């Protein structure tokens, strides 16, 4: 792909990802990943120091589907909406059907009886692979800037 088509393809999957998580469409979210994939939500300090401890860490599409099922069917929590704002992607490399990219994100949370607040801010570090169905995440690291997450992390970032 030429650089502009690469940029637009990455922007498209970022937009699809954001729509899936903001609309609680956990099947569509999982479908954006390869069968063998890695999804990690990790504090910046741990990432930069090479520490493995993460808030969420899934190693397959099946694990992502389990999380979606848990959110829909088994987890009990104070319900809230989330809304993502994601920067334009920065393409770090693109060769042999693999794209490495990054983008900044901010997630806002709105509880049903309260105001919207900033919930999580950081950057995505992604490895995307070209498939017959378009780009799919082979790896998505959500590296958040604060060491603290208010309450708990229910929904993916």
Protein backbone atom coordinates (compact mmCIF):
# COMPACT_ATOMS: atom_id res chain seq x y z
CA UNK A 1 0.00 0.00 0.00
CA UNK A 2 1.13 3.53 -0.63
CA UNK A 3 1.51 5.80 2.46
CA UNK A 4 -1.87 7.53 2.06
CA UNK A 5 -3.79 4.24 1.69
CA UNK A 6 -1.89 2.82 4.67
CA UNK A 7 -2.81 5.85 6.76
CA UNK A 8 -6.47 5.65 5.75
CA UNK A 9 -6.65 1.89 6.40
CA UNK A 10 -5.22 2.37 9.90
CA UNK A 11 -7.59 5.28 10.52
CA UNK A 12 -10.52 3.05 9.45
CA UNK A 13 -9.69 0.25 11.91
CA UNK A 14 -9.15 2.81 14.69
CA UNK A 15 -12.59 4.25 13.93
CA UNK A 16 -14.17 0.77 13.90
CA UNK A 17 -12.46 -0.08 17.20
CA UNK A 18 -13.70 3.11 18.85
CA UNK A 19 -17.26 2.55 17.61
CA UNK A 20 -17.26 -1.03 18.91
CA UNK A 21 -16.08 -0.21 22.43
CA UNK A 22 -18.15 2.97 22.77
CA UNK A 23 -21.28 1.07 21.68
CA UNK A 24 -20.56 -2.01 23.83
CA UNK A 25 -20.43 -4.20 20.73
CA UNK A 26 -18.03 -6.78 22.16
CA UNK A 27 -18.40 -9.22 19.26
CA UNK A 28 -17.40 -6.51 16.76
CA UNK A 29 -14.51 -5.53 19.08
CA UNK A 30 -13.16 -9.09 19.17
CA UNK A 31 -13.57 -9.46 15.40
CA UNK A 32 -11.04 -6.66 14.87
CA UNK A 33 -8.29 -8.94 16.22
CA UNK A 34 -6.50 -11.93 14.74
CA UNK A 35 -7.22 -15.33 16.29
CA UNK A 36 -3.77 -15.26 17.91
CA UNK A 37 -3.30 -11.75 19.25
CA UNK A 38 -2.22 -9.77 22.28
CA UNK A 39 -4.26 -7.05 23.97
CA UNK A 40 -2.76 -5.35 26.98
CA UNK A 41 -3.80 -2.40 29.16
CA UNK A 42 -0.77 -1.34 31.17
CA UNK A 43 0.45 1.63 33.20
CA UNK A 44 3.14 3.67 31.47
CA UNK A 45 5.64 3.14 34.27
CA UNK A 46 5.44 -0.66 33.98
CA UNK A 47 5.68 -0.51 30.18
CA UNK A 48 8.70 1.79 30.19
CA UNK A 49 10.52 -0.30 32.81
CA UNK A 50 9.75 -3.55 31.00
CA UNK A 51 7.64 -4.89 33.88
CA UNK A 52 4.99 -7.38 32.75
CA UNK A 53 2.26 -6.39 35.25
CA UNK A 54 -0.84 -5.20 33.36
CA UNK A 55 -4.38 -4.26 34.33
CA UNK A 56 -5.79 -6.37 31.46
CA UNK A 57 -3.89 -8.85 29.34
CA UNK A 58 -5.47 -11.16 26.77
CA UNK A 59 -3.56 -13.49 24.44
CA UNK A 60 -6.19 -14.62 21.92
CA UNK A 61 -9.45 -13.63 20.30
CA UNK A 62 -11.09 -16.30 22.47
CA UNK A 63 -9.95 -14.45 25.59
CA UNK A 64 -11.37 -11.22 24.15
CA UNK A 65 -14.69 -12.97 23.52
CA UNK A 66 -14.67 -14.24 27.11
CA UNK A 67 -14.24 -10.66 28.34
CA UNK A 68 -17.14 -9.53 26.19
CA UNK A 69 -19.30 -12.35 27.54
CA UNK A 70 -18.30 -11.44 31.09
CA UNK A 71 -19.25 -7.81 30.55
CA UNK A 72 -22.64 -8.71 29.08
CA UNK A 73 -23.60 -11.66 31.26
CA UNK A 74 -21.70 -11.98 34.52
CA UNK A 75 -20.10 -8.74 35.73
CA UNK A 76 -22.10 -6.57 38.10
CA UNK A 77 -20.99 -2.97 38.29
CA UNK A 78 -22.27 0.59 38.42
CA UNK A 79 -23.16 1.10 34.74
CA UNK A 80 -21.52 3.85 32.73
CA UNK A 81 -20.96 5.00 29.19
CA UNK A 82 -17.54 5.59 27.75
CA UNK A 83 -16.50 7.73 24.84
CA UNK A 84 -13.10 7.61 23.13
CA UNK A 85 -11.27 10.46 21.45
CA UNK A 86 -8.39 9.08 19.37
CA UNK A 87 -5.74 11.08 17.54
CA UNK A 88 -4.76 10.47 13.96
CA UNK A 89 -2.48 7.45 13.70
CA UNK A 90 1.26 7.80 13.37
CA UNK A 91 2.60 5.09 11.07
CA UNK A 92 5.95 3.86 12.41
CA UNK A 93 6.54 1.18 9.77
CA UNK A 94 4.68 -0.64 7.03
CA UNK A 95 6.18 -3.63 5.24
CA UNK A 96 5.27 -7.17 4.25
CA UNK A 97 1.62 -6.74 5.26
CA UNK A 98 2.46 -5.59 8.79
CA UNK A 99 1.88 -2.04 10.00
CA UNK A 100 3.22 -0.68 13.27
CA UNK A 101 1.40 2.44 14.42
CA UNK A 102 0.55 4.51 17.45
CA UNK A 103 -2.07 7.07 18.47
CA UNK A 104 -2.98 9.04 21.56
CA UNK A 105 -6.33 8.46 23.24
CA UNK A 106 -8.57 9.91 25.94
CA UNK A 107 -11.51 8.01 27.38
CA UNK A 108 -14.34 9.85 29.07
CA UNK A 109 -16.73 8.08 31.42
CA UNK A 110 -20.29 9.13 32.12
CA UNK A 111 -22.19 7.47 34.95
CA UNK A 112 -25.94 7.44 34.50
CA UNK A 113 -26.45 9.77 37.47
CA UNK A 114 -23.40 11.99 37.07
CA UNK A 115 -21.19 14.16 34.98
CA UNK A 116 -18.72 13.09 32.35
CA UNK A 117 -15.16 12.77 33.64
CA UNK A 118 -11.80 11.89 32.16
CA UNK A 119 -11.36 8.19 32.89
CA UNK A 120 -8.14 7.19 31.15
CA UNK A 121 -5.53 8.89 28.96
CA UNK A 122 -2.59 7.35 27.13
CA UNK A 123 -1.46 5.95 23.80
CA UNK A 124 -2.09 2.90 21.69
CA UNK A 125 0.88 0.96 20.37
CA UNK A 126 -0.33 -1.34 17.61
CA UNK A 127 0.85 -4.05 15.30
CA UNK A 128 -1.68 -4.59 12.49
CA UNK A 129 -1.66 -7.33 9.89
CA UNK A 130 -3.29 -7.28 6.46
CA UNK A 131 -5.85 -10.09 6.02
CA UNK A 132 -8.54 -10.98 3.48
CA UNK A 133 -10.97 -9.06 5.73
CA UNK A 134 -8.77 -5.95 5.90
CA UNK A 135 -6.46 -4.91 8.71
CA UNK A 136 -6.68 -6.78 11.99
CA UNK A 137 -4.92 -6.17 15.29
CA UNK A 138 -2.13 -8.61 15.97
CA UNK A 139 -1.15 -6.61 19.02
CA UNK A 140 -2.71 -3.64 20.79
CA UNK A 141 -1.06 -2.16 23.84
CA UNK A 142 -3.02 0.53 25.66
CA UNK A 143 -0.39 2.35 27.69
CA UNK A 144 -2.07 4.71 30.14
CA UNK A 145 -0.29 7.66 31.70
CA UNK A 146 -1.64 7.58 35.26
CA UNK A 147 -0.76 4.77 37.62
CA UNK A 148 -4.24 4.92 39.06
CA UNK A 149 -7.56 3.95 37.53
CA UNK A 150 -10.63 5.23 39.37
CA UNK A 151 -12.59 2.30 40.76
CA UNK A 152 -12.00 -0.58 38.35
CA UNK A 153 -11.53 -1.26 34.68
CA UNK A 154 -14.58 -3.06 33.30
CA UNK A 155 -14.59 -2.18 29.60
CA UNK A 156 -11.57 -2.39 27.30
CA UNK A 157 -9.79 0.89 26.63
